[in-house]
Amino acid sequence: MDHKDPLVSWNVFGLDIVFNLSSIMMMLITAFIVFVIAIICTRNLKKRPTGKQNFIEWVFDFVRGIIESNMAWSKGGQFHFLAVTLIFFIFVSNMLGLPFQLISGHTLWWKSPTADPTVTLTLSTLIILLTHYYGVKMVGTKGYFQNYTKPIFLLPINVFEEFTSTLTLGLRLYGNIFAGELLLGLLAGLVFDFPAWGWLIGLPGLIVWQGFSIFIGTIQAYIFVMLSMVYMSHKVQKSH
């Protein structure tokens, strides 16, 4: 488990900006996989769906149910593609690091991009910023600020909640995926570092934890999208 990330630092106006090449590469791979899935599942669309079209329509229906449970479809329908893209992107991201990790020397190259807090916090920040944008756009500036000031004594709490929502949304996803990959790495270490007896514990543990990690990764993708739509609904609907 003694490895490091491939970091590149650029100095811009006296500030060091650090990029994690592994996370960038894995996000590009994730985006490519999601793009390929979308292309494959939407080719030759038919009125009576079969096979792969059934799958993509089930995903759209599932995500629509998440949106409708939080806001009226007349308001939430415009976020349908956003939510579908999110659930695909996060699910694929969560799964990439489960089969294996690619380490060259002491540098970790292949992992789940959502095992990097910078990635998950960036996603959560973008979602929160989008909620503010659509809040102002859909209910107007006055209606948007009324969500913070009714009642007025809750204003500090409502402002503080914006920061906590960003942190919890991103860190929840990161913590679950990182912990899962960390344990998988420890179990794999038992198998390879102690071949005489380590496989007795490591191999069954890997099989069980792989299955559990797939479940956790799926649930975390759902939770992220569900909470994103919850936060969005709070902004695009006027307070009463």
Protein backbone atom coordinates (compact mmCIF):
# COMPACT_ATOMS: atom_id res chain seq x y z
CA MET A 1 0.00 0.00 0.00
CA ASP A 2 3.10 2.22 -0.11
CA HIS A 3 2.40 4.20 -3.24
CA LYS A 4 1.96 7.78 -4.35
CA ASP A 5 -0.12 9.66 -6.89
CA PRO A 6 1.40 11.03 -10.14
CA LEU A 7 1.29 14.74 -9.40
CA VAL A 8 2.27 17.60 -11.70
CA SER A 9 2.62 21.12 -10.35
CA TRP A 10 2.25 24.28 -12.42
CA ASN A 11 3.16 27.70 -11.12
CA VAL A 12 0.62 30.30 -12.20
CA PHE A 13 1.06 33.88 -10.95
CA GLY A 14 3.08 32.63 -8.01
CA LEU A 15 0.56 29.94 -7.05
CA ASP A 16 1.33 26.24 -7.33
CA ILE A 17 -1.55 24.40 -8.99
CA VAL A 18 -1.26 20.64 -8.55
CA PHE A 19 -2.84 18.14 -10.98
CA ASN A 20 -3.27 14.45 -10.28
CA LEU A 21 -2.58 12.75 -13.61
CA SER A 22 -4.15 9.49 -12.44
CA SER A 23 -7.45 11.14 -11.54
CA ILE A 24 -7.51 13.08 -14.82
CA MET A 25 -6.82 9.92 -16.82
CA MET A 26 -9.46 7.91 -14.96
CA MET A 27 -12.10 10.63 -15.40
CA LEU A 28 -11.42 10.66 -19.15
CA ILE A 29 -11.72 6.88 -19.24
CA THR A 30 -14.98 7.09 -17.28
CA ALA A 31 -16.39 9.71 -19.65
CA PHE A 32 -15.42 7.57 -22.64
CA ILE A 33 -17.10 4.46 -21.16
CA VAL A 34 -20.29 6.40 -20.39
CA PHE A 35 -20.26 7.82 -23.93
CA VAL A 36 -19.87 4.33 -25.43
CA ILE A 37 -22.70 2.96 -23.26
CA ALA A 38 -24.97 5.80 -24.37
CA ILE A 39 -24.14 5.24 -28.05
CA ILE A 40 -24.62 1.47 -27.88
CA CYS A 41 -27.91 1.66 -25.96
CA THR A 42 -29.47 4.37 -28.13
CA ARG A 43 -28.61 3.04 -31.59
CA ASN A 44 -31.55 1.79 -33.67
CA LEU A 45 -34.22 2.96 -31.23
CA LYS A 46 -37.58 1.23 -31.61
CA LYS A 47 -41.10 1.93 -30.42
CA ARG A 48 -41.09 -1.45 -28.73
CA PRO A 49 -37.75 -1.54 -26.94
CA THR A 50 -35.73 -4.71 -26.70
CA GLY A 51 -32.38 -5.66 -25.17
CA LYS A 52 -30.04 -2.75 -24.57
CA GLN A 53 -32.79 -0.19 -25.24
CA ASN A 54 -34.75 -1.70 -22.37
CA PHE A 55 -31.79 -1.07 -20.09
CA ILE A 56 -31.35 2.60 -20.98
CA GLU A 57 -35.10 3.24 -20.73
CA TRP A 58 -35.16 1.55 -17.32
CA VAL A 59 -32.37 3.89 -16.16
CA PHE A 60 -34.27 6.94 -17.44
CA ASP A 61 -37.47 5.77 -15.72
CA PHE A 62 -35.59 5.06 -12.49
CA VAL A 63 -34.00 8.52 -12.47
CA ARG A 64 -37.33 10.12 -13.33
CA GLY A 65 -38.75 8.49 -10.20
CA ILE A 66 -35.97 10.09 -8.13
CA ILE A 67 -36.76 13.52 -9.56
CA GLU A 68 -40.54 13.21 -9.17
CA SER A 69 -40.14 12.16 -5.53
CA ASN A 70 -38.58 15.57 -4.82
CA MET A 71 -40.30 18.06 -7.14
CA ALA A 72 -43.02 18.39 -9.74
CA TRP A 73 -42.03 17.06 -13.16
CA SER A 74 -42.89 20.42 -14.72
CA LYS A 75 -39.90 21.83 -12.83
CA GLY A 76 -37.71 18.76 -12.50
CA GLY A 77 -37.99 17.45 -16.05
CA GLN A 78 -35.23 19.75 -17.28
CA PHE A 79 -32.78 18.04 -14.88
CA HIS A 80 -33.50 14.57 -16.24
CA PHE A 81 -30.46 14.32 -18.51
CA LEU A 82 -28.24 15.87 -15.83
CA ALA A 83 -29.31 13.24 -13.30
CA VAL A 84 -28.95 10.36 -15.77
CA THR A 85 -25.46 11.54 -16.73
CA LEU A 86 -24.51 11.84 -13.06
CA ILE A 87 -25.70 8.37 -12.11
CA PHE A 88 -23.88 6.78 -15.07
CA PHE A 89 -20.68 8.74 -14.49
CA ILE A 90 -20.52 8.10 -10.75
CA PHE A 91 -21.47 4.42 -11.05
CA VAL A 92 -18.80 3.74 -13.67
CA SER A 93 -16.27 5.77 -11.65
CA ASN A 94 -17.03 3.72 -8.55
CA MET A 95 -16.57 0.44 -10.40
CA LEU A 96 -13.27 1.13 -12.19
CA GLY A 97 -11.01 0.55 -9.21
CA LEU A 98 -12.67 -2.68 -8.05
CA PRO A 99 -11.17 -5.26 -10.46
CA PHE A 100 -7.58 -4.14 -9.91
CA GLN A 101 -5.19 -1.28 -9.21
CA LEU A 102 -2.36 -0.47 -11.59
CA ILE A 103 0.83 0.56 -9.80
CA SER A 104 3.99 1.39 -11.74
CA GLY A 105 6.94 1.48 -9.38
CA HIS A 106 5.41 3.24 -6.40
CA THR A 107 3.00 5.33 -8.48
CA LEU A 108 -0.71 4.49 -8.51
CA TRP A 109 -2.21 5.00 -11.97
CA TRP A 110 -5.42 2.94 -12.16
CA LYS A 111 -8.06 3.52 -9.50
CA SER A 112 -11.60 4.79 -9.13
CA PRO A 113 -11.59 8.55 -9.77
CA THR A 114 -14.16 8.90 -6.97
CA ALA A 115 -11.49 7.59 -4.56
CA ASP A 116 -9.92 11.06 -4.91
CA PRO A 117 -11.51 13.74 -2.65
CA THR A 118 -10.65 16.45 -5.19
CA VAL A 119 -12.87 14.75 -7.78
CA THR A 120 -15.84 14.17 -5.47
CA LEU A 121 -15.68 17.64 -3.92
CA THR A 122 -15.48 19.17 -7.39
CA LEU A 123 -18.60 17.25 -8.40
CA SER A 124 -20.45 18.31 -5.27
CA THR A 125 -19.38 21.95 -5.69
CA LEU A 126 -20.62 21.98 -9.29
CA ILE A 127 -23.97 20.56 -8.19
CA ILE A 128 -24.38 23.16 -5.44
CA LEU A 129 -23.46 25.96 -7.86
CA LEU A 130 -26.04 24.64 -10.34
CA THR A 131 -28.71 24.68 -7.63
CA HIS A 132 -28.01 28.37 -7.02
CA TYR A 133 -28.06 29.16 -10.73
CA TYR A 134 -31.38 27.42 -11.37
CA GLY A 135 -32.79 28.78 -8.13
CA VAL A 136 -32.32 32.36 -9.31
CA LYS A 137 -33.40 31.47 -12.86
CA MET A 138 -36.62 29.66 -11.95
CA VAL A 139 -37.98 31.54 -8.92
CA GLY A 140 -36.35 34.93 -9.44
CA THR A 141 -33.87 36.77 -7.25
CA LYS A 142 -36.48 37.73 -4.67
CA GLY A 143 -37.95 34.26 -4.37
CA TYR A 144 -34.46 32.76 -4.22
CA PHE A 145 -33.38 34.89 -1.26
CA GLN A 146 -36.69 34.30 0.49
CA ASN A 147 -35.63 30.66 0.79
CA TYR A 148 -32.87 31.90 3.10
CA THR A 149 -34.71 34.61 5.00
CA LYS A 150 -38.03 32.97 5.92
CA PRO A 151 -37.81 33.03 8.88
CA ILE A 152 -34.99 35.56 9.16
CA PHE A 153 -33.36 34.02 12.25
CA LEU A 154 -32.53 30.91 10.20
CA LEU A 155 -30.40 32.91 7.73
CA PRO A 156 -27.00 32.03 9.32
CA ILE A 157 -27.97 28.36 9.53
CA ASN A 158 -29.16 28.30 5.90
CA VAL A 159 -25.92 29.91 4.69
CA PHE A 160 -23.80 27.50 6.77
CA GLU A 161 -25.83 24.60 5.36
CA GLU A 162 -24.56 25.41 1.85
CA PHE A 163 -21.00 24.67 2.95
CA THR A 164 -21.90 21.54 4.89
CA SER A 165 -23.99 20.22 1.98
CA THR A 166 -21.03 20.58 -0.37
CA LEU A 167 -18.68 18.80 2.04
CA THR A 168 -21.01 15.97 2.99
CA LEU A 169 -22.11 15.31 -0.59
CA GLY A 170 -18.53 15.00 -1.79
CA LEU A 171 -16.86 13.39 1.22
CA ARG A 172 -19.56 10.74 1.67
CA LEU A 173 -18.88 9.46 -1.84
CA TYR A 174 -15.11 9.68 -1.45
CA GLY A 175 -15.02 7.99 1.95
CA ASN A 176 -17.05 4.98 0.89
CA ILE A 177 -15.14 4.33 -2.34
CA PHE A 178 -11.69 5.00 -0.89
CA ALA A 179 -12.31 2.77 2.12
CA GLY A 180 -13.53 -0.05 -0.11
CA GLU A 181 -10.47 0.09 -2.36
CA LEU A 182 -8.16 0.36 0.65
CA LEU A 183 -9.54 -2.83 2.16
CA LEU A 184 -9.35 -4.63 -1.19
CA GLY A 185 -5.70 -3.63 -1.42
CA LEU A 186 -5.01 -4.97 2.08
CA LEU A 187 -6.71 -8.28 1.29
CA ALA A 188 -4.81 -8.59 -1.96
CA GLY A 189 -1.62 -7.89 -0.04
CA LEU A 190 -2.31 -10.89 2.18
CA VAL A 191 -2.58 -13.16 -0.86
CA PHE A 192 0.63 -11.98 -2.56
CA ASP A 193 2.81 -11.17 0.44
CA PHE A 194 2.03 -14.30 2.45
CA PRO A 195 1.34 -17.01 -0.16
CA ALA A 196 1.71 -19.84 2.37
CA TRP A 197 -1.34 -18.87 4.40
CA GLY A 198 -2.54 -15.42 3.32
CA TRP A 199 -4.86 -16.81 0.65
CA LEU A 200 -6.93 -18.57 3.35
CA ILE A 201 -8.11 -15.16 4.56
CA GLY A 202 -7.37 -12.92 1.62
CA LEU A 203 -9.04 -14.86 -1.21
CA PRO A 204 -12.47 -15.39 0.44
CA GLY A 205 -12.28 -11.82 1.74
CA LEU A 206 -11.61 -10.47 -1.75
CA ILE A 207 -14.57 -12.34 -3.22
CA VAL A 208 -16.96 -11.18 -0.49
CA TRP A 209 -15.70 -7.60 -0.42
CA GLN A 210 -15.77 -7.28 -4.20
CA GLY A 211 -19.47 -8.08 -4.17
CA PHE A 212 -20.10 -5.75 -1.24
CA SER A 213 -18.12 -2.95 -2.91
CA ILE A 214 -20.24 -3.26 -6.07
CA PHE A 215 -23.32 -2.87 -3.88
CA ILE A 216 -21.83 0.12 -2.03
CA GLY A 217 -20.70 1.77 -5.28
CA THR A 218 -24.19 1.40 -6.73
CA ILE A 219 -25.87 2.77 -3.61
CA GLN A 220 -23.47 5.73 -3.47
CA ALA A 221 -24.26 6.66 -7.08
CA TYR A 222 -27.96 6.60 -6.21
CA ILE A 223 -27.47 8.62 -3.01
CA PHE A 224 -25.41 11.29 -4.79
CA VAL A 225 -28.05 11.78 -7.48
CA MET A 226 -30.93 11.65 -5.01
CA LEU A 227 -29.35 14.28 -2.73
CA SER A 228 -28.48 16.44 -5.74
CA MET A 229 -32.15 16.48 -6.72
CA VAL A 230 -33.17 17.18 -3.13
CA TYR A 231 -30.88 20.22 -3.01
CA MET A 232 -32.12 21.32 -6.43
CA SER A 233 -35.75 21.06 -5.35
CA HIS A 234 -35.09 23.30 -2.35
CA LYS A 235 -33.77 26.03 -4.64
CA VAL A 236 -36.25 25.91 -7.53
CA GLN A 237 -39.35 25.99 -5.33
CA LYS A 238 -40.43 29.05 -3.38
CA SER A 239 -40.54 28.80 0.39
CA HIS A 240 -43.92 29.02 2.08
